[in-house]
Amino acid sequence: MPIETRDFDVQNYLKTPEDQAAYIEAALKEGDPSFIAAALGDIARARGVTAFAAETGLSREAIYKAFKPGGNPTLETLAKATKALGLRLSVVAA
């Protein structure tokens, strides 16, 4: 009997604010801006893009554009997104 598999979807693992914070922290440690943007997009989709748009004050289109792989969100967009997540950006020595 063959093994049945399903496609991996990270959104299934981003249910709680703690899970979302850990995911963003891991993305920030990678240091790749595209990865960070994509991670925020994953969280936006896990929360529901419409709800996330309302929380951030950004349009759904702006969220899809900024938080996709290869996206390039502005610092203002990042600040709005992290604030809506109940997080804050910080800098530590490498």
PDB file of N, CA and C in Angstrom:
ATOM      1  N   MET A   1       0.854  -1.172   0.000  1.00  0.00           N
ATOM      2  CA  MET A   1       0.000   0.000   0.000  1.00  0.00           C
ATOM      3  C   MET A   1       0.906   1.243   0.000  1.00  0.00           C
ATOM      4  N   PRO A   2       0.714   2.181  -0.940  1.00  0.00           N
ATOM      5  CA  PRO A   2       1.546   3.378  -0.987  1.00  0.00           C
ATOM      6  C   PRO A   2       1.207   4.333   0.165  1.00  0.00           C
ATOM      7  N   ILE A   3       2.191   5.083   0.555  1.00  0.00           N
ATOM      8  CA  ILE A   3       2.011   6.086   1.606  1.00  0.00           C
ATOM      9  C   ILE A   3       1.353   7.321   1.007  1.00  0.00           C
ATOM     10  N   GLU A   4       0.338   7.804   1.676  1.00  0.00           N
ATOM     11  CA  GLU A   4      -0.323   9.028   1.230  1.00  0.00           C
ATOM     12  C   GLU A   4       0.378  10.219   1.859  1.00  0.00           C
ATOM     13  N   THR A   5       0.640  11.231   1.059  1.00  0.00           N
ATOM     14  CA  THR A   5       1.268  12.444   1.564  1.00  0.00           C
ATOM     15  C   THR A   5       0.398  13.651   1.232  1.00  0.00           C
ATOM     16  N   ARG A   6       0.636  14.715   1.955  1.00  0.00           N
ATOM     17  CA  ARG A   6      -0.042  15.980   1.698  1.00  0.00           C
ATOM     18  C   ARG A   6       1.017  17.051   1.496  1.00  0.00           C
ATOM     19  N   ASP A   7       0.674  18.081   0.759  1.00  0.00           N
ATOM     20  CA  ASP A   7       1.576  19.207   0.609  1.00  0.00           C
ATOM     21  C   ASP A   7       1.737  19.897   1.957  1.00  0.00           C
ATOM     22  N   PHE A   8       2.966  20.321   2.250  1.00  0.00           N
ATOM     23  CA  PHE A   8       3.229  21.057   3.483  1.00  0.00           C
ATOM     24  C   PHE A   8       2.697  22.473   3.335  1.00  0.00           C
ATOM     25  N   ASP A   9       1.998  22.946   4.334  1.00  0.00           N
ATOM     26  CA  ASP A   9       1.499  24.317   4.357  1.00  0.00           C
ATOM     27  C   ASP A   9       1.808  24.897   5.729  1.00  0.00           C
ATOM     28  N   VAL A  10       2.741  25.834   5.771  1.00  0.00           N
ATOM     29  CA  VAL A  10       3.188  26.401   7.038  1.00  0.00           C
ATOM     30  C   VAL A  10       2.045  27.070   7.798  1.00  0.00           C
ATOM     31  N   GLN A  11       1.032  27.520   7.089  1.00  0.00           N
ATOM     32  CA  GLN A  11      -0.094  28.180   7.751  1.00  0.00           C
ATOM     33  C   GLN A  11      -0.772  27.280   8.775  1.00  0.00           C
ATOM     34  N   ASN A  12      -0.678  25.968   8.580  1.00  0.00           N
ATOM     35  CA  ASN A  12      -1.257  25.029   9.538  1.00  0.00           C
ATOM     36  C   ASN A  12      -0.519  25.038  10.877  1.00  0.00           C
ATOM     37  N   TYR A  13       0.659  25.635  10.913  1.00  0.00           N
ATOM     38  CA  TYR A  13       1.493  25.638  12.113  1.00  0.00           C
ATOM     39  C   TYR A  13       1.652  27.035  12.701  1.00  0.00           C
ATOM     40  N   LEU A  14       0.883  27.984  12.223  1.00  0.00           N
ATOM     41  CA  LEU A  14       0.974  29.366  12.696  1.00  0.00           C
ATOM     42  C   LEU A  14      -0.327  29.808  13.351  1.00  0.00           C
ATOM     43  N   LYS A  15      -0.848  28.973  14.215  1.00  0.00           N
ATOM     44  CA  LYS A  15      -2.161  29.222  14.821  1.00  0.00           C
ATOM     45  C   LYS A  15      -2.115  30.219  15.983  1.00  0.00           C
ATOM     46  N   THR A  16      -1.055  30.194  16.776  1.00  0.00           N
ATOM     47  CA  THR A  16      -1.009  31.033  17.979  1.00  0.00           C
ATOM     48  C   THR A  16      -0.035  32.202  17.793  1.00  0.00           C
ATOM     49  N   PRO A  17      -0.227  33.266  18.562  1.00  0.00           N
ATOM     50  CA  PRO A  17       0.726  34.378  18.504  1.00  0.00           C
ATOM     51  C   PRO A  17       2.159  33.925  18.836  1.00  0.00           C
ATOM     52  N   GLU A  18       2.294  32.953  19.713  1.00  0.00           N
ATOM     53  CA  GLU A  18       3.630  32.455  20.065  1.00  0.00           C
ATOM     54  C   GLU A  18       4.277  31.748  18.872  1.00  0.00           C
ATOM     55  N   ASP A  19       3.493  30.957  18.153  1.00  0.00           N
ATOM     56  CA  ASP A  19       3.997  30.290  16.949  1.00  0.00           C
ATOM     57  C   ASP A  19       4.422  31.321  15.908  1.00  0.00           C
ATOM     58  N   GLN A  20       3.605  32.355  15.742  1.00  0.00           N
ATOM     59  CA  GLN A  20       3.894  33.393  14.760  1.00  0.00           C
ATOM     60  C   GLN A  20       5.152  34.168  15.141  1.00  0.00           C
ATOM     61  N   ALA A  21       5.310  34.488  16.416  1.00  0.00           N
ATOM     62  CA  ALA A  21       6.501  35.202  16.876  1.00  0.00           C
ATOM     63  C   ALA A  21       7.754  34.363  16.669  1.00  0.00           C
ATOM     64  N   ALA A  22       7.678  33.085  16.962  1.00  0.00           N
ATOM     65  CA  ALA A  22       8.829  32.197  16.766  1.00  0.00           C
ATOM     66  C   ALA A  22       9.191  32.102  15.292  1.00  0.00           C
ATOM     67  N   TYR A  23       8.193  32.082  14.436  1.00  0.00           N
ATOM     68  CA  TYR A  23       8.427  32.007  12.993  1.00  0.00           C
ATOM     69  C   TYR A  23       9.131  33.263  12.491  1.00  0.00           C
ATOM     70  N   ILE A  24       8.668  34.421  12.932  1.00  0.00           N
ATOM     71  CA  ILE A  24       9.308  35.683  12.541  1.00  0.00           C
ATOM     72  C   ILE A  24      10.727  35.751  13.084  1.00  0.00           C
ATOM     73  N   GLU A  25      10.916  35.327  14.321  1.00  0.00           N
ATOM     74  CA  GLU A  25      12.258  35.337  14.913  1.00  0.00           C
ATOM     75  C   GLU A  25      13.212  34.465  14.099  1.00  0.00           C
ATOM     76  N   ALA A  26      12.762  33.306  13.690  1.00  0.00           N
ATOM     77  CA  ALA A  26      13.599  32.427  12.864  1.00  0.00           C
ATOM     78  C   ALA A  26      13.906  33.080  11.521  1.00  0.00           C
ATOM     79  N   ALA A  27      12.922  33.740  10.932  1.00  0.00           N
ATOM     80  CA  ALA A  27      13.136  34.419   9.650  1.00  0.00           C
ATOM     81  C   ALA A  27      14.152  35.550   9.795  1.00  0.00           C
ATOM     82  N   LEU A  28      14.055  36.297  10.887  1.00  0.00           N
ATOM     83  CA  LEU A  28      15.002  37.385  11.122  1.00  0.00           C
ATOM     84  C   LEU A  28      16.424  36.868  11.313  1.00  0.00           C
ATOM     85  N   LYS A  29      16.554  35.721  11.964  1.00  0.00           N
ATOM     86  CA  LYS A  29      17.882  35.131  12.162  1.00  0.00           C
ATOM     87  C   LYS A  29      18.515  34.716  10.844  1.00  0.00           C
ATOM     88  N   GLU A  30      17.684  34.343   9.855  1.00  0.00           N
ATOM     89  CA  GLU A  30      18.205  33.993   8.528  1.00  0.00           C
ATOM     90  C   GLU A  30      18.875  35.200   7.879  1.00  0.00           C
ATOM     91  N   GLY A  31      18.313  36.385   8.138  1.00  0.00           N
ATOM     92  CA  GLY A  31      18.907  37.611   7.623  1.00  0.00           C
ATOM     93  C   GLY A  31      18.600  37.907   6.162  1.00  0.00           C
ATOM     94  N   ASP A  32      17.756  37.126   5.529  1.00  0.00           N
ATOM     95  CA  ASP A  32      17.408  37.338   4.128  1.00  0.00           C
ATOM     96  C   ASP A  32      16.111  38.145   4.062  1.00  0.00           C
ATOM     97  N   PRO A  33      16.162  39.387   3.568  1.00  0.00           N
ATOM     98  CA  PRO A  33      14.951  40.221   3.536  1.00  0.00           C
ATOM     99  C   PRO A  33      13.781  39.573   2.802  1.00  0.00           C
ATOM    100  N   SER A  34      14.049  38.843   1.735  1.00  0.00           N
ATOM    101  CA  SER A  34      12.979  38.182   0.993  1.00  0.00           C
ATOM    102  C   SER A  34      12.316  37.107   1.850  1.00  0.00           C
ATOM    103  N   PHE A  35      13.110  36.387   2.629  1.00  0.00           N
ATOM    104  CA  PHE A  35      12.582  35.353   3.512  1.00  0.00           C
ATOM    105  C   PHE A  35      11.723  35.968   4.613  1.00  0.00           C
ATOM    106  N   ILE A  36      12.173  37.094   5.152  1.00  0.00           N
ATOM    107  CA  ILE A  36      11.418  37.790   6.196  1.00  0.00           C
ATOM    108  C   ILE A  36      10.073  38.259   5.640  1.00  0.00           C
ATOM    109  N   ALA A  37      10.097  38.849   4.453  1.00  0.00           N
ATOM    110  CA  ALA A  37       8.853  39.309   3.821  1.00  0.00           C
ATOM    111  C   ALA A  37       7.906  38.139   3.585  1.00  0.00           C
ATOM    112  N   ALA A  38       8.435  37.029   3.088  1.00  0.00           N
ATOM    113  CA  ALA A  38       7.598  35.855   2.833  1.00  0.00           C
ATOM    114  C   ALA A  38       7.023  35.300   4.133  1.00  0.00           C
ATOM    115  N   ALA A  39       7.806  35.318   5.206  1.00  0.00           N
ATOM    116  CA  ALA A  39       7.318  34.828   6.498  1.00  0.00           C
ATOM    117  C   ALA A  39       6.159  35.685   6.994  1.00  0.00           C
ATOM    118  N   LEU A  40       6.270  36.992   6.847  1.00  0.00           N
ATOM    119  CA  LEU A  40       5.166  37.870   7.242  1.00  0.00           C
ATOM    120  C   LEU A  40       3.934  37.604   6.375  1.00  0.00           C
ATOM    121  N   GLY A  41       4.152  37.302   5.103  1.00  0.00           N
ATOM    122  CA  GLY A  41       3.040  36.944   4.228  1.00  0.00           C
ATOM    123  C   GLY A  41       2.372  35.659   4.655  1.00  0.00           C
ATOM    124  N   ASP A  42       3.183  34.686   5.088  1.00  0.00           N
ATOM    125  CA  ASP A  42       2.619  33.425   5.590  1.00  0.00           C
ATOM    126  C   ASP A  42       1.731  33.685   6.801  1.00  0.00           C
ATOM    127  N   ILE A  43       2.197  34.535   7.685  1.00  0.00           N
ATOM    128  CA  ILE A  43       1.418  34.853   8.884  1.00  0.00           C
ATOM    129  C   ILE A  43       0.146  35.609   8.515  1.00  0.00           C
ATOM    130  N   ALA A  44       0.249  36.535   7.573  1.00  0.00           N
ATOM    131  CA  ALA A  44      -0.940  37.281   7.126  1.00  0.00           C
ATOM    132  C   ALA A  44      -1.990  36.316   6.583  1.00  0.00           C
ATOM    133  N   ARG A  45      -1.564  35.340   5.788  1.00  0.00           N
ATOM    134  CA  ARG A  45      -2.507  34.361   5.245  1.00  0.00           C
ATOM    135  C   ARG A  45      -3.056  33.450   6.343  1.00  0.00           C
ATOM    136  N   ALA A  46      -2.222  33.099   7.322  1.00  0.00           N
ATOM    137  CA  ALA A  46      -2.688  32.254   8.427  1.00  0.00           C
ATOM    138  C   ALA A  46      -3.747  32.977   9.252  1.00  0.00           C
ATOM    139  N   ARG A  47      -3.599  34.271   9.420  1.00  0.00           N
ATOM    140  CA  ARG A  47      -4.567  35.066  10.180  1.00  0.00           C
ATOM    141  C   ARG A  47      -5.785  35.424   9.355  1.00  0.00           C
ATOM    142  N   GLY A  48      -5.616  35.403   8.047  1.00  0.00           N
ATOM    143  CA  GLY A  48      -6.641  35.885   7.115  1.00  0.00           C
ATOM    144  C   GLY A  48      -6.206  37.253   6.634  1.00  0.00           C
ATOM    145  N   VAL A  49      -5.969  37.383   5.350  1.00  0.00           N
ATOM    146  CA  VAL A  49      -5.415  38.630   4.817  1.00  0.00           C
ATOM    147  C   VAL A  49      -6.347  39.809   5.065  1.00  0.00           C
ATOM    148  N   THR A  50      -7.638  39.590   4.954  1.00  0.00           N
ATOM    149  CA  THR A  50      -8.578  40.686   5.191  1.00  0.00           C
ATOM    150  C   THR A  50      -8.484  41.177   6.632  1.00  0.00           C
ATOM    151  N   ALA A  51      -8.439  40.256   7.585  1.00  0.00           N
ATOM    152  CA  ALA A  51      -8.317  40.641   8.999  1.00  0.00           C
ATOM    153  C   ALA A  51      -6.972  41.307   9.259  1.00  0.00           C
ATOM    154  N   PHE A  52      -5.900  40.755   8.672  1.00  0.00           N
ATOM    155  CA  PHE A  52      -4.570  41.327   8.858  1.00  0.00           C
ATOM    156  C   PHE A  52      -4.507  42.731   8.262  1.00  0.00           C
ATOM    157  N   ALA A  53      -5.170  42.935   7.127  1.00  0.00           N
ATOM    158  CA  ALA A  53      -5.214  44.267   6.513  1.00  0.00           C
ATOM    159  C   ALA A  53      -5.895  45.262   7.449  1.00  0.00           C
ATOM    160  N   ALA A  54      -6.989  44.847   8.052  1.00  0.00           N
ATOM    161  CA  ALA A  54      -7.697  45.729   8.990  1.00  0.00           C
ATOM    162  C   ALA A  54      -6.829  46.043  10.207  1.00  0.00           C
ATOM    163  N   GLU A  55      -6.088  45.051  10.695  1.00  0.00           N
ATOM    164  CA  GLU A  55      -5.226  45.255  11.869  1.00  0.00           C
ATOM    165  C   GLU A  55      -4.061  46.194  11.566  1.00  0.00           C
ATOM    166  N   THR A  56      -3.542  46.140  10.341  1.00  0.00           N
ATOM    167  CA  THR A  56      -2.361  46.933   9.987  1.00  0.00           C
ATOM    168  C   THR A  56      -2.701  48.285   9.397  1.00  0.00           C
ATOM    169  N   GLY A  57      -3.902  48.422   8.842  1.00  0.00           N
ATOM    170  CA  GLY A  57      -4.246  49.647   8.134  1.00  0.00           C
ATOM    171  C   GLY A  57      -3.717  49.652   6.708  1.00  0.00           C
ATOM    172  N   LEU A  58      -3.216  48.505   6.252  1.00  0.00           N
ATOM    173  CA  LEU A  58      -2.728  48.363   4.887  1.00  0.00           C
ATOM    174  C   LEU A  58      -3.813  47.723   4.033  1.00  0.00           C
ATOM    175  N   SER A  59      -3.742  47.939   2.730  1.00  0.00           N
ATOM    176  CA  SER A  59      -4.697  47.282   1.843  1.00  0.00           C
ATOM    177  C   SER A  59      -4.282  45.826   1.638  1.00  0.00           C
ATOM    178  N   ARG A  60      -5.233  45.000   1.252  1.00  0.00           N
ATOM    179  CA  ARG A  60      -4.926  43.592   0.953  1.00  0.00           C
ATOM    180  C   ARG A  60      -3.902  43.511  -0.163  1.00  0.00           C
ATOM    181  N   GLU A  61      -4.033  44.382  -1.164  1.00  0.00           N
ATOM    182  CA  GLU A  61      -3.109  44.372  -2.287  1.00  0.00           C
ATOM    183  C   GLU A  61      -1.689  44.705  -1.824  1.00  0.00           C
ATOM    184  N   ALA A  62      -1.571  45.674  -0.917  1.00  0.00           N
ATOM    185  CA  ALA A  62      -0.253  46.051  -0.396  1.00  0.00           C
ATOM    186  C   ALA A  62       0.374  44.900   0.375  1.00  0.00           C
ATOM    187  N   ILE A  63      -0.437  44.160   1.104  1.00  0.00           N
ATOM    188  CA  ILE A  63       0.073  43.005   1.861  1.00  0.00           C
ATOM    189  C   ILE A  63       0.557  41.926   0.904  1.00  0.00           C
ATOM    190  N   TYR A  64      -0.249  41.607  -0.101  1.00  0.00           N
ATOM    191  CA  TYR A  64       0.164  40.581  -1.061  1.00  0.00           C
ATOM    192  C   TYR A  64       1.448  40.995  -1.786  1.00  0.00           C
ATOM    193  N   LYS A  65       1.555  42.264  -2.141  1.00  0.00           N
ATOM    194  CA  LYS A  65       2.720  42.749  -2.890  1.00  0.00           C
ATOM    195  C   LYS A  65       3.974  42.778  -2.018  1.00  0.00           C
ATOM    196  N   ALA A  66       3.861  43.295  -0.811  1.00  0.00           N
ATOM    197  CA  ALA A  66       5.029  43.470   0.049  1.00  0.00           C
ATOM    198  C   ALA A  66       5.505  42.172   0.677  1.00  0.00           C
ATOM    199  N   PHE A  67       4.575  41.304   1.049  1.00  0.00           N
ATOM    200  CA  PHE A  67       4.914  40.110   1.820  1.00  0.00           C
ATOM    201  C   PHE A  67       4.837  38.828   0.996  1.00  0.00           C
ATOM    202  N   LYS A  68       5.488  38.851  -0.133  1.00  0.00           N
ATOM    203  CA  LYS A  68       5.610  37.660  -0.976  1.00  0.00           C
ATOM    204  C   LYS A  68       7.098  37.360  -1.134  1.00  0.00           C
ATOM    205  N   PRO A  69       7.454  36.166  -1.532  1.00  0.00           N
ATOM    206  CA  PRO A  69       8.872  35.901  -1.797  1.00  0.00           C
ATOM    207  C   PRO A  69       9.393  36.904  -2.823  1.00  0.00           C
ATOM    208  N   GLY A  70      10.447  37.582  -2.488  1.00  0.00           N
ATOM    209  CA  GLY A  70      10.988  38.624  -3.349  1.00  0.00           C
ATOM    210  C   GLY A  70      10.379  39.983  -3.082  1.00  0.00           C
ATOM    211  N   GLY A  71       9.406  40.044  -2.166  1.00  0.00           N
ATOM    212  CA  GLY A  71       8.777  41.310  -1.820  1.00  0.00           C
ATOM    213  C   GLY A  71       9.784  42.228  -1.132  1.00  0.00           C
ATOM    214  N   ASN A  72       9.514  43.508  -1.187  1.00  0.00           N
ATOM    215  CA  ASN A  72      10.429  44.477  -0.599  1.00  0.00           C
ATOM    216  C   ASN A  72       9.628  45.504   0.199  1.00  0.00           C
ATOM    217  N   PRO A  73       9.114  45.095   1.374  1.00  0.00           N
ATOM    218  CA  PRO A  73       8.295  46.021   2.160  1.00  0.00           C
ATOM    219  C   PRO A  73       9.133  47.171   2.704  1.00  0.00           C
ATOM    220  N   THR A  74       8.494  48.306   2.830  1.00  0.00           N
ATOM    221  CA  THR A  74       9.165  49.457   3.427  1.00  0.00           C
ATOM    222  C   THR A  74       9.258  49.244   4.941  1.00  0.00           C
ATOM    223  N   LEU A  75      10.081  50.048   5.571  1.00  0.00           N
ATOM    224  CA  LEU A  75      10.194  49.981   7.025  1.00  0.00           C
ATOM    225  C   LEU A  75       8.856  50.311   7.677  1.00  0.00           C
ATOM    226  N   GLU A  76       8.129  51.248   7.105  1.00  0.00           N
ATOM    227  CA  GLU A  76       6.814  51.609   7.638  1.00  0.00           C
ATOM    228  C   GLU A  76       5.855  50.411   7.570  1.00  0.00           C
ATOM    229  N   THR A  77       5.873  49.681   6.456  1.00  0.00           N
ATOM    230  CA  THR A  77       5.017  48.508   6.300  1.00  0.00           C
ATOM    231  C   THR A  77       5.410  47.428   7.298  1.00  0.00           C
ATOM    232  N   LEU A  78       6.712  47.203   7.471  1.00  0.00           N
ATOM    233  CA  LEU A  78       7.182  46.228   8.468  1.00  0.00           C
ATOM    234  C   LEU A  78       6.748  46.625   9.873  1.00  0.00           C
ATOM    235  N   ALA A  79       6.863  47.904  10.181  1.00  0.00           N
ATOM    236  CA  ALA A  79       6.477  48.373  11.514  1.00  0.00           C
ATOM    237  C   ALA A  79       4.988  48.151  11.765  1.00  0.00           C
ATOM    238  N   LYS A  80       4.163  48.435  10.771  1.00  0.00           N
ATOM    239  CA  LYS A  80       2.713  48.224  10.923  1.00  0.00           C
ATOM    240  C   LYS A  80       2.399  46.741  11.106  1.00  0.00           C
ATOM    241  N   ALA A  81       3.073  45.903  10.324  1.00  0.00           N
ATOM    242  CA  ALA A  81       2.819  44.464  10.407  1.00  0.00           C
ATOM    243  C   ALA A  81       3.241  43.905  11.755  1.00  0.00           C
ATOM    244  N   THR A  82       4.430  44.259  12.214  1.00  0.00           N
ATOM    245  CA  THR A  82       4.892  43.716  13.493  1.00  0.00           C
ATOM    246  C   THR A  82       4.059  44.252  14.654  1.00  0.00           C
ATOM    247  N   LYS A  83       3.624  45.501  14.567  1.00  0.00           N
ATOM    248  CA  LYS A  83       2.767  46.054  15.624  1.00  0.00           C
ATOM    249  C   LYS A  83       1.449  45.291  15.685  1.00  0.00           C
ATOM    250  N   ALA A  84       0.882  44.988  14.523  1.00  0.00           N
ATOM    251  CA  ALA A  84      -0.377  44.227  14.483  1.00  0.00           C
ATOM    252  C   ALA A  84      -0.194  42.830  15.057  1.00  0.00           C
ATOM    253  N   LEU A  85       1.013  42.300  14.953  1.00  0.00           N
ATOM    254  CA  LEU A  85       1.311  40.975  15.512  1.00  0.00           C
ATOM    255  C   LEU A  85       1.622  41.032  17.006  1.00  0.00           C
ATOM    256  N   GLY A  86       1.660  42.252  17.560  1.00  0.00           N
ATOM    257  CA  GLY A  86       1.998  42.395  18.969  1.00  0.00           C
ATOM    258  C   GLY A  86       3.495  42.250  19.204  1.00  0.00           C
ATOM    259  N   LEU A  87       4.278  42.537  18.181  1.00  0.00           N
ATOM    260  CA  LEU A  87       5.740  42.422  18.246  1.00  0.00           C
ATOM    261  C   LEU A  87       6.371  43.775  18.005  1.00  0.00           C
ATOM    262  N   ARG A  88       7.664  43.856  18.263  1.00  0.00           N
ATOM    263  CA  ARG A  88       8.407  45.061  17.909  1.00  0.00           C
ATOM    264  C   ARG A  88       9.739  44.647  17.324  1.00  0.00           C
ATOM    265  N   LEU A  89      10.216  45.443  16.412  1.00  0.00           N
ATOM    266  CA  LEU A  89      11.521  45.174  15.812  1.00  0.00           C
ATOM    267  C   LEU A  89      12.606  45.645  16.764  1.00  0.00           C
ATOM    268  N   SER A  90      13.687  44.896  16.846  1.00  0.00           N
ATOM    269  CA  SER A  90      14.820  45.301  17.673  1.00  0.00           C
ATOM    270  C   SER A  90      16.102  44.872  16.999  1.00  0.00           C
ATOM    271  N   VAL A  91      17.195  45.438  17.460  1.00  0.00           N
ATOM    272  CA  VAL A  91      18.507  45.126  16.913  1.00  0.00           C
ATOM    273  C   VAL A  91      19.389  44.637  18.050  1.00  0.00           C
ATOM    274  N   VAL A  92      20.115  43.556  17.784  1.00  0.00           N
ATOM    275  CA  VAL A  92      21.078  43.026  18.756  1.00  0.00           C
ATOM    276  C   VAL A  92      22.396  42.801  18.044  1.00  0.00           C
ATOM    277  N   ALA A  93      23.466  42.808  18.787  1.00  0.00           N
ATOM    278  CA  ALA A  93      24.775  42.557  18.208  1.00  0.00           C
ATOM    279  C   ALA A  93      24.836  41.141  17.652  1.00  0.00           C
ATOM    280  N   ALA A  94      25.463  41.000  16.508  1.00  0.00           N
ATOM    281  CA  ALA A  94      25.535  39.687  15.850  1.00  0.00           C
ATOM    282  C   ALA A  94      26.528  38.780  16.560  1.00  0.00           C
TER     283      ALA A  94
END
